[in-house]
Amino acid sequence: MNCELALLALVIEAGAGYPNALFRKIGHPVTWLGALIARLDHALNCEDDSFALRRLKGAGALAILLFVAVGIGAVAERIAVVIPFGWIALAIVASSLLAQRSLHAHVAEVAERLATSVEDGRIAVAKIVGRDVSALDESGVARAAIESLAENFSDGVVAPALWLAVFGLPGALAYKAVNTADSMIGHKSPRYLAFGWAAARCDDLMNFLPARATAGLLAIGALGLGRTSPSKAFAVARRDAPGHASPNAGWPEAAMAGALGLKLGGLRSYAGVNVHAVSLGEGNPQANAADIHRALALYRRAAAMLWFALAIAALAARI
């Protein structure tokens, strides 16, 4: 049942996305979770507390967040059981936790703007990456967009879909809660090194299998796609991903680099501080707008592989 729910949610989100009018009127589940995280941060993250106490309070904040998220998901599933077409309503709700359509749109915008000018490309890519973009040249903008596409395919599509398929709406909401908390408080800054520790470690754990599954989907998606290599996607992911600063993000990024024959990663800047990230792949480092379009084509095929896998799992469950 949950595999069917995940598949229908993916189909709905790909077709309709999350309407802007609805977002303006009521917000989005991620913004609601973010508001709760901000309130917990303000109430519990006291700079005068000891490191150990701040870490303990951060774990408590995460527990409260998960209790709320899982509770809402469980109530929604209970309601769906007793109302007409409740399963479809549940899939519509679950579709808001996926980002296939918006991810494609944002990355495609970078390609379109970059084809016009580097400055336009910088403006577009700044919407989807956290690094400094002011000094990026054409290839820097293209690489940033492709890296973001790969990482967010895992975080925004594959992971929530798999948690939905295995644990239903409560599982998908739990994943989004942890992932949102990691993005907000899971930093190694003085304020969040202790308080955000639990969120960061939980996010690492919940993304462990989805990140590697995403690498596999990208490699399989490269089958039969012009100018891509499934074997290099697997090889580069296995070789380069373990060297990435994140235990998970390197897998889809490295698979994307290998499949497209590009060299991703390397030096980037955050708030004026240069960070020497691991290089992923040994291909061409001079990416351009055309390479972003190639990455989007691979992304669409990999997403289709995810749909196919969920359909097979749903059919198998019925046999």
Protein backbone atom coordinates (compact mmCIF):
# COMPACT_ATOMS: atom_id res chain seq x y z
CA MET A 1 0.00 0.00 0.00
CA ASN A 2 2.76 2.45 0.92
CA CYS A 3 4.63 1.83 -2.35
CA GLU A 4 1.45 2.68 -4.23
CA LEU A 5 1.05 5.78 -2.09
CA ALA A 6 4.62 6.89 -2.83
CA LEU A 7 4.19 6.26 -6.55
CA LEU A 8 0.93 8.21 -6.74
CA ALA A 9 2.46 11.06 -4.73
CA LEU A 10 5.37 11.23 -7.18
CA VAL A 11 2.99 11.30 -10.13
CA ILE A 12 0.84 14.03 -8.58
CA GLU A 13 3.86 16.18 -7.68
CA ALA A 14 5.43 15.79 -11.12
CA GLY A 15 2.20 16.88 -12.74
CA ALA A 16 1.10 19.68 -10.45
CA GLY A 17 3.89 20.53 -8.06
CA TYR A 18 2.93 22.66 -5.07
CA PRO A 19 0.74 25.52 -6.32
CA ASN A 20 2.13 29.00 -5.66
CA ALA A 21 -1.34 30.24 -4.72
CA LEU A 22 -1.59 27.58 -2.03
CA PHE A 23 1.88 28.44 -0.74
CA ARG A 24 0.95 32.11 -0.47
CA LYS A 25 -2.26 31.26 1.35
CA ILE A 26 -1.19 28.60 3.86
CA GLY A 27 2.55 28.09 3.44
CA HIS A 28 4.14 24.66 3.02
CA PRO A 29 4.86 21.71 5.36
CA VAL A 30 8.57 22.58 5.31
CA THR A 31 7.85 26.18 6.36
CA TRP A 32 5.62 24.91 9.17
CA LEU A 33 8.34 22.55 10.35
CA GLY A 34 10.86 25.37 10.02
CA ALA A 35 8.73 27.63 12.21
CA LEU A 36 8.61 24.98 14.94
CA ILE A 37 12.38 24.43 14.70
CA ALA A 38 12.98 28.17 15.01
CA ARG A 39 10.79 28.34 18.12
CA LEU A 40 12.60 25.39 19.71
CA ASP A 41 15.94 26.96 18.85
CA HIS A 42 14.93 30.25 20.45
CA ALA A 43 13.52 28.59 23.56
CA LEU A 44 16.16 25.93 24.23
CA ASN A 45 19.47 26.95 22.64
CA CYS A 46 20.98 29.06 25.43
CA GLU A 47 24.54 30.20 24.87
CA ASP A 48 25.23 30.27 28.62
CA ASP A 49 24.60 26.53 28.95
CA SER A 50 27.44 24.02 28.89
CA PHE A 51 28.31 22.20 25.67
CA ALA A 52 26.89 18.94 27.03
CA LEU A 53 23.64 20.56 28.13
CA ARG A 54 23.19 22.30 24.77
CA ARG A 55 23.71 18.98 23.00
CA LEU A 56 21.14 17.36 25.30
CA LYS A 57 18.65 20.16 24.67
CA GLY A 58 19.23 19.82 20.93
CA ALA A 59 18.38 16.13 21.14
CA GLY A 60 15.26 17.03 23.12
CA ALA A 61 14.24 19.59 20.51
CA LEU A 62 14.65 16.96 17.80
CA ALA A 63 12.53 14.50 19.79
CA ILE A 64 9.74 17.09 20.13
CA LEU A 65 9.95 17.83 16.41
CA LEU A 66 9.71 14.14 15.50
CA PHE A 67 6.85 13.57 17.92
CA VAL A 68 4.86 16.35 16.26
CA ALA A 69 5.71 15.27 12.70
CA VAL A 70 5.00 11.57 13.23
CA GLY A 71 1.86 12.36 15.20
CA ILE A 72 0.43 14.54 12.44
CA GLY A 73 1.25 11.87 9.87
CA ALA A 74 -0.43 9.15 11.93
CA VAL A 75 -3.58 11.24 12.44
CA ALA A 76 -3.73 12.02 8.72
CA GLU A 77 -3.51 8.32 7.88
CA ARG A 78 -6.27 7.51 10.36
CA ILE A 79 -8.52 10.14 8.77
CA ALA A 80 -7.72 8.90 5.26
CA VAL A 81 -8.96 5.42 6.17
CA VAL A 82 -12.48 6.62 6.98
CA ILE A 83 -13.15 9.24 4.30
CA PRO A 84 -14.11 8.58 0.65
CA PHE A 85 -11.07 8.50 -1.64
CA GLY A 86 -8.92 8.99 1.43
CA TRP A 87 -5.97 7.20 -0.14
CA ILE A 88 -5.91 9.74 -2.97
CA ALA A 89 -6.20 12.61 -0.51
CA LEU A 90 -3.29 11.16 1.44
CA ALA A 91 -1.20 10.98 -1.73
CA ILE A 92 -1.99 14.63 -2.48
CA VAL A 93 -0.78 15.59 1.00
CA ALA A 94 2.32 13.41 0.63
CA SER A 95 3.14 14.98 -2.73
CA SER A 96 3.92 18.24 -0.91
CA LEU A 97 6.94 16.50 0.64
CA LEU A 98 8.52 15.82 -2.77
CA ALA A 99 10.39 18.23 -5.02
CA GLN A 100 10.75 16.66 -8.47
CA ARG A 101 9.04 19.44 -10.38
CA SER A 102 10.46 22.43 -8.52
CA LEU A 103 13.99 21.01 -8.58
CA HIS A 104 13.83 20.54 -12.34
CA ALA A 105 12.40 24.03 -12.82
CA HIS A 106 15.05 25.77 -10.73
CA VAL A 107 17.97 23.97 -12.37
CA ALA A 108 16.51 24.48 -15.85
CA GLU A 109 16.26 28.19 -15.08
CA VAL A 110 20.00 28.25 -14.34
CA ALA A 111 20.73 26.69 -17.73
CA GLU A 112 18.47 29.16 -19.52
CA ARG A 113 19.85 32.20 -17.69
CA LEU A 114 23.46 31.05 -18.08
CA ALA A 115 22.97 30.78 -21.83
CA THR A 116 22.10 34.49 -21.74
CA SER A 117 24.96 35.70 -19.54
CA VAL A 118 27.18 34.56 -16.67
CA GLU A 119 25.71 37.20 -14.38
CA ASP A 120 22.17 35.97 -15.07
CA GLY A 121 23.38 32.45 -14.38
CA ARG A 122 24.84 33.55 -11.03
CA ILE A 123 21.54 35.13 -10.02
CA ALA A 124 19.64 31.95 -10.86
CA VAL A 125 22.06 29.52 -9.21
CA ALA A 126 22.16 31.62 -6.03
CA LYS A 127 18.56 30.50 -5.42
CA ILE A 128 19.59 26.85 -5.07
CA VAL A 129 23.09 26.84 -3.55
CA GLY A 130 24.54 28.22 -0.35
CA ARG A 131 28.01 29.03 -1.66
CA ASP A 132 29.20 32.46 -2.75
CA VAL A 133 28.39 32.91 -6.43
CA SER A 134 29.77 36.39 -7.11
CA ALA A 135 33.10 35.12 -8.45
CA LEU A 136 31.80 32.06 -10.32
CA ASP A 137 32.60 31.87 -14.02
CA GLU A 138 30.44 30.00 -16.55
CA SER A 139 31.78 26.58 -15.61
CA GLY A 140 31.50 27.38 -11.89
CA VAL A 141 27.82 28.25 -12.27
CA ALA A 142 27.16 25.10 -14.30
CA ARG A 143 28.99 22.83 -11.87
CA ALA A 144 27.14 24.36 -8.90
CA ALA A 145 23.79 23.75 -10.59
CA ILE A 146 24.66 20.15 -11.48
CA GLU A 147 25.95 19.39 -7.99
CA SER A 148 22.79 20.87 -6.48
CA LEU A 149 20.64 18.82 -8.85
CA ALA A 150 22.37 15.60 -7.81
CA GLU A 151 22.31 16.28 -4.07
CA ASN A 152 18.71 17.52 -4.03
CA PHE A 153 17.54 14.58 -6.13
CA SER A 154 18.57 12.49 -3.15
CA ASP A 155 17.36 14.80 -0.36
CA GLY A 156 14.25 16.16 -2.05
CA VAL A 157 12.97 13.23 -4.10
CA VAL A 158 14.48 9.80 -3.47
CA ALA A 159 14.79 9.96 0.32
CA PRO A 160 11.28 11.25 1.10
CA ALA A 161 9.79 8.86 -1.49
CA LEU A 162 11.55 5.86 0.08
CA TRP A 163 10.63 6.86 3.62
CA LEU A 164 7.05 7.27 2.40
CA ALA A 165 7.12 3.88 0.67
CA VAL A 166 8.43 2.07 3.75
CA PHE A 167 6.84 3.93 6.66
CA GLY A 168 3.92 5.84 5.14
CA LEU A 169 3.18 9.51 5.74
CA PRO A 170 4.57 9.47 9.31
CA GLY A 171 7.91 8.26 7.94
CA ALA A 172 8.01 10.85 5.18
CA LEU A 173 7.15 13.66 7.62
CA ALA A 174 9.80 12.40 10.04
CA TYR A 175 12.37 12.53 7.26
CA LYS A 176 11.39 16.06 6.19
CA ALA A 177 11.46 17.21 9.82
CA VAL A 178 15.00 15.91 10.33
CA ASN A 179 16.21 17.15 6.95
CA THR A 180 14.79 20.62 7.61
CA ALA A 181 16.33 20.67 11.07
CA ASP A 182 19.70 19.73 9.64
CA SER A 183 19.53 22.56 7.11
CA MET A 184 18.61 25.07 9.83
CA ILE A 185 20.61 24.03 12.88
CA GLY A 186 22.91 21.20 11.77
CA HIS A 187 25.90 23.50 11.23
CA LYS A 188 29.31 23.52 12.86
CA SER A 189 29.00 27.15 13.88
CA PRO A 190 29.50 28.19 17.51
CA ARG A 191 25.75 28.48 18.02
CA TYR A 192 24.83 25.10 16.54
CA LEU A 193 27.84 22.81 17.01
CA ALA A 194 26.28 21.35 20.15
CA PHE A 195 22.57 22.14 19.75
CA GLY A 196 22.40 20.90 16.15
CA TRP A 197 24.49 17.77 16.68
CA ALA A 198 21.53 15.40 17.04
CA ALA A 199 19.79 16.80 13.95
CA ALA A 200 22.94 16.48 11.84
CA ARG A 201 23.69 12.92 12.95
CA CYS A 202 20.05 11.84 12.49
CA ASP A 203 20.01 13.34 9.00
CA ASP A 204 23.18 11.44 8.13
CA LEU A 205 21.55 8.21 9.28
CA MET A 206 18.24 8.76 7.50
CA ASN A 207 19.99 9.63 4.22
CA PHE A 208 22.52 6.79 4.27
CA LEU A 209 20.59 4.32 2.10
CA PRO A 210 18.70 6.89 -0.04
CA ALA A 211 21.94 8.62 -1.08
CA ARG A 212 23.42 5.36 -2.30
CA ALA A 213 20.16 4.39 -3.96
CA THR A 214 20.22 7.75 -5.77
CA ALA A 215 23.70 7.02 -7.09
CA GLY A 216 22.38 3.70 -8.39
CA LEU A 217 19.37 5.34 -10.03
CA LEU A 218 21.61 7.88 -11.78
CA ALA A 219 23.88 5.12 -13.03
CA ILE A 220 20.96 3.05 -14.32
CA GLY A 221 19.38 6.16 -15.82
CA ALA A 222 22.53 6.66 -17.89
CA LEU A 223 21.86 3.40 -19.76
CA GLY A 224 21.13 4.23 -23.38
CA LEU A 225 21.40 7.98 -22.82
CA GLY A 226 23.77 9.64 -25.26
CA ARG A 227 27.15 10.81 -23.95
CA THR A 228 26.71 9.20 -20.56
CA SER A 229 28.38 6.20 -18.93
CA PRO A 230 26.67 3.92 -16.38
CA SER A 231 29.94 2.14 -15.59
CA LYS A 232 31.78 5.39 -14.86
CA ALA A 233 28.89 6.56 -12.69
CA PHE A 234 29.31 3.48 -10.50
CA ALA A 235 33.11 3.61 -10.56
CA VAL A 236 33.43 7.30 -9.71
CA ALA A 237 30.81 7.04 -6.94
CA ARG A 238 32.63 4.14 -5.31
CA ARG A 239 36.03 5.81 -5.63
CA ASP A 240 35.32 9.48 -4.85
CA ALA A 241 32.19 9.61 -2.68
CA PRO A 242 33.91 8.33 0.51
CA GLY A 243 36.26 11.33 0.36
CA HIS A 244 33.42 13.86 0.42
CA ALA A 245 32.94 15.91 3.59
CA SER A 246 29.37 14.61 3.81
CA PRO A 247 28.88 10.86 4.32
CA ASN A 248 25.98 10.97 1.86
CA ALA A 249 26.05 13.95 -0.54
CA GLY A 250 29.12 12.68 -2.35
CA TRP A 251 27.34 9.60 -3.68
CA PRO A 252 24.80 11.24 -6.02
CA GLU A 253 27.24 14.03 -6.93
CA ALA A 254 30.01 11.59 -7.80
CA ALA A 255 27.61 9.37 -9.77
CA MET A 256 26.43 12.41 -11.72
CA ALA A 257 30.02 13.44 -12.44
CA GLY A 258 30.97 9.99 -13.65
CA ALA A 259 27.87 9.52 -15.77
CA LEU A 260 28.29 12.88 -17.53
CA GLY A 261 32.08 12.73 -17.85
CA LEU A 262 32.54 15.89 -15.78
CA LYS A 263 34.76 16.94 -12.91
CA LEU A 264 32.69 18.34 -10.06
CA GLY A 265 33.49 19.44 -6.52
CA GLY A 266 36.75 21.25 -5.75
CA LEU A 267 37.25 24.75 -4.39
CA ARG A 268 34.22 26.79 -3.36
CA SER A 269 33.59 29.74 -1.06
CA TYR A 270 31.12 30.20 1.80
CA ALA A 271 30.73 33.62 3.43
CA GLY A 272 34.12 34.63 2.13
CA VAL A 273 35.87 31.48 3.40
CA ASN A 274 37.40 29.19 0.78
CA VAL A 275 36.64 25.50 1.25
CA HIS A 276 38.69 22.87 -0.58
CA ALA A 277 36.11 20.17 -1.27
CA VAL A 278 37.06 16.82 -2.76
CA SER A 279 37.11 16.55 -6.56
CA LEU A 280 34.53 14.17 -8.02
CA GLY A 281 35.33 12.53 -11.34
CA GLU A 282 38.23 13.05 -13.70
CA GLY A 283 36.31 14.41 -16.67
CA ASN A 284 35.94 17.88 -18.14
CA PRO A 285 35.85 20.64 -15.47
CA GLN A 286 34.62 23.22 -18.00
CA ALA A 287 30.90 22.58 -17.72
CA ASN A 288 28.38 24.83 -19.46
CA ALA A 289 24.64 25.31 -19.97
CA ALA A 290 24.50 22.35 -22.34
CA ASP A 291 25.91 20.12 -19.60
CA ILE A 292 23.17 21.30 -17.23
CA HIS A 293 20.61 20.18 -19.81
CA ARG A 294 22.40 16.80 -20.05
CA ALA A 295 22.24 16.51 -16.27
CA LEU A 296 18.52 17.29 -16.35
CA ALA A 297 17.96 14.59 -18.97
CA LEU A 298 19.76 12.10 -16.73
CA TYR A 299 17.73 13.31 -13.75
CA ARG A 300 14.45 12.70 -15.60
CA ARG A 301 15.50 9.16 -16.52
CA ALA A 302 16.67 8.41 -12.98
CA ALA A 303 13.37 9.70 -11.59
CA ALA A 304 11.57 7.42 -14.05
CA MET A 305 13.65 4.50 -12.70
CA LEU A 306 12.43 5.41 -9.19
CA TRP A 307 8.83 5.33 -10.41
CA PHE A 308 9.45 1.98 -12.07
CA ALA A 309 11.04 0.49 -8.94
CA LEU A 310 8.09 1.59 -6.79
CA ALA A 311 5.61 0.17 -9.33
CA ILE A 312 7.40 -3.19 -9.29
CA ALA A 313 7.46 -3.19 -5.49
CA ALA A 314 3.73 -2.37 -5.37
CA LEU A 315 2.92 -5.19 -7.79
CA ALA A 316 5.11 -7.63 -5.88
CA ALA A 317 3.31 -6.76 -2.64
CA ARG A 318 0.00 -7.72 -4.23
CA ILE A 319 1.16 -11.14 -5.42
